[in-house]
């Protein structure tokens, strides 16, 4: 397995398990509210038209 990792061209990413305790928390509630208001007024772009 170790030799396969050495030959791999893809980066090896190790995710820190302590990040799970941050899941579901809002860090910037005022900015999140502002963005949600803007999206409610203008809406999201239609992805099918962009292609």
Protein backbone atom coordinates (compact mmCIF):
# COMPACT_ATOMS: atom_id res chain seq x y z
CA UNK A 1 0.00 0.00 0.00
CA UNK A 2 2.79 2.42 0.88
CA UNK A 3 4.44 1.98 -2.51
CA UNK A 4 1.11 2.68 -4.21
CA UNK A 5 0.85 5.95 -2.26
CA UNK A 6 4.34 6.96 -3.33
CA UNK A 7 3.51 6.38 -7.00
CA UNK A 8 0.20 8.23 -6.80
CA UNK A 9 0.00 11.59 -8.56
CA UNK A 10 -2.96 12.74 -6.45
CA UNK A 11 -2.34 14.64 -3.23
CA UNK A 12 -2.96 12.79 0.03
CA UNK A 13 -5.43 14.64 2.21
CA UNK A 14 -5.92 13.81 5.87
CA UNK A 15 -8.99 15.39 7.48
CA UNK A 16 -8.74 16.29 11.15
CA UNK A 17 -11.53 14.54 13.08
CA UNK A 18 -11.81 17.45 15.54
CA UNK A 19 -13.53 19.46 12.78
CA UNK A 20 -16.67 17.35 13.31
CA UNK A 21 -17.49 19.32 16.46
CA UNK A 22 -17.81 22.49 14.34
CA UNK A 23 -20.39 20.90 12.04
CA UNK A 24 -23.74 22.66 12.06
CA UNK A 25 -22.58 25.84 13.79
CA UNK A 26 -23.17 29.29 12.29
CA UNK A 27 -20.07 31.46 12.62
CA UNK A 28 -21.25 34.64 10.90
CA UNK A 29 -25.03 34.84 11.44
CA UNK A 30 -25.34 38.50 10.35
CA UNK A 31 -23.50 37.85 7.07
CA UNK A 32 -25.51 34.68 6.49
CA UNK A 33 -28.75 36.62 6.96
CA UNK A 34 -27.60 39.29 4.51
CA UNK A 35 -26.69 36.72 1.86
CA UNK A 36 -29.99 34.89 2.31
CA UNK A 37 -31.87 38.19 1.86
CA UNK A 38 -29.94 38.96 -1.33
CA UNK A 39 -30.61 35.46 -2.70
CA UNK A 40 -34.31 35.74 -1.83
CA UNK A 41 -34.55 38.98 -3.85
CA UNK A 42 -32.47 38.02 -6.88
CA UNK A 43 -32.52 34.22 -6.81
CA UNK A 44 -29.88 31.80 -8.02
CA UNK A 45 -28.74 31.79 -11.65
CA UNK A 46 -30.21 29.16 -13.96
CA UNK A 47 -27.38 26.68 -14.51
CA UNK A 48 -28.96 25.21 -17.66
CA UNK A 49 -28.78 28.60 -19.38
CA UNK A 50 -25.11 29.03 -18.45
CA UNK A 51 -24.02 25.86 -20.27
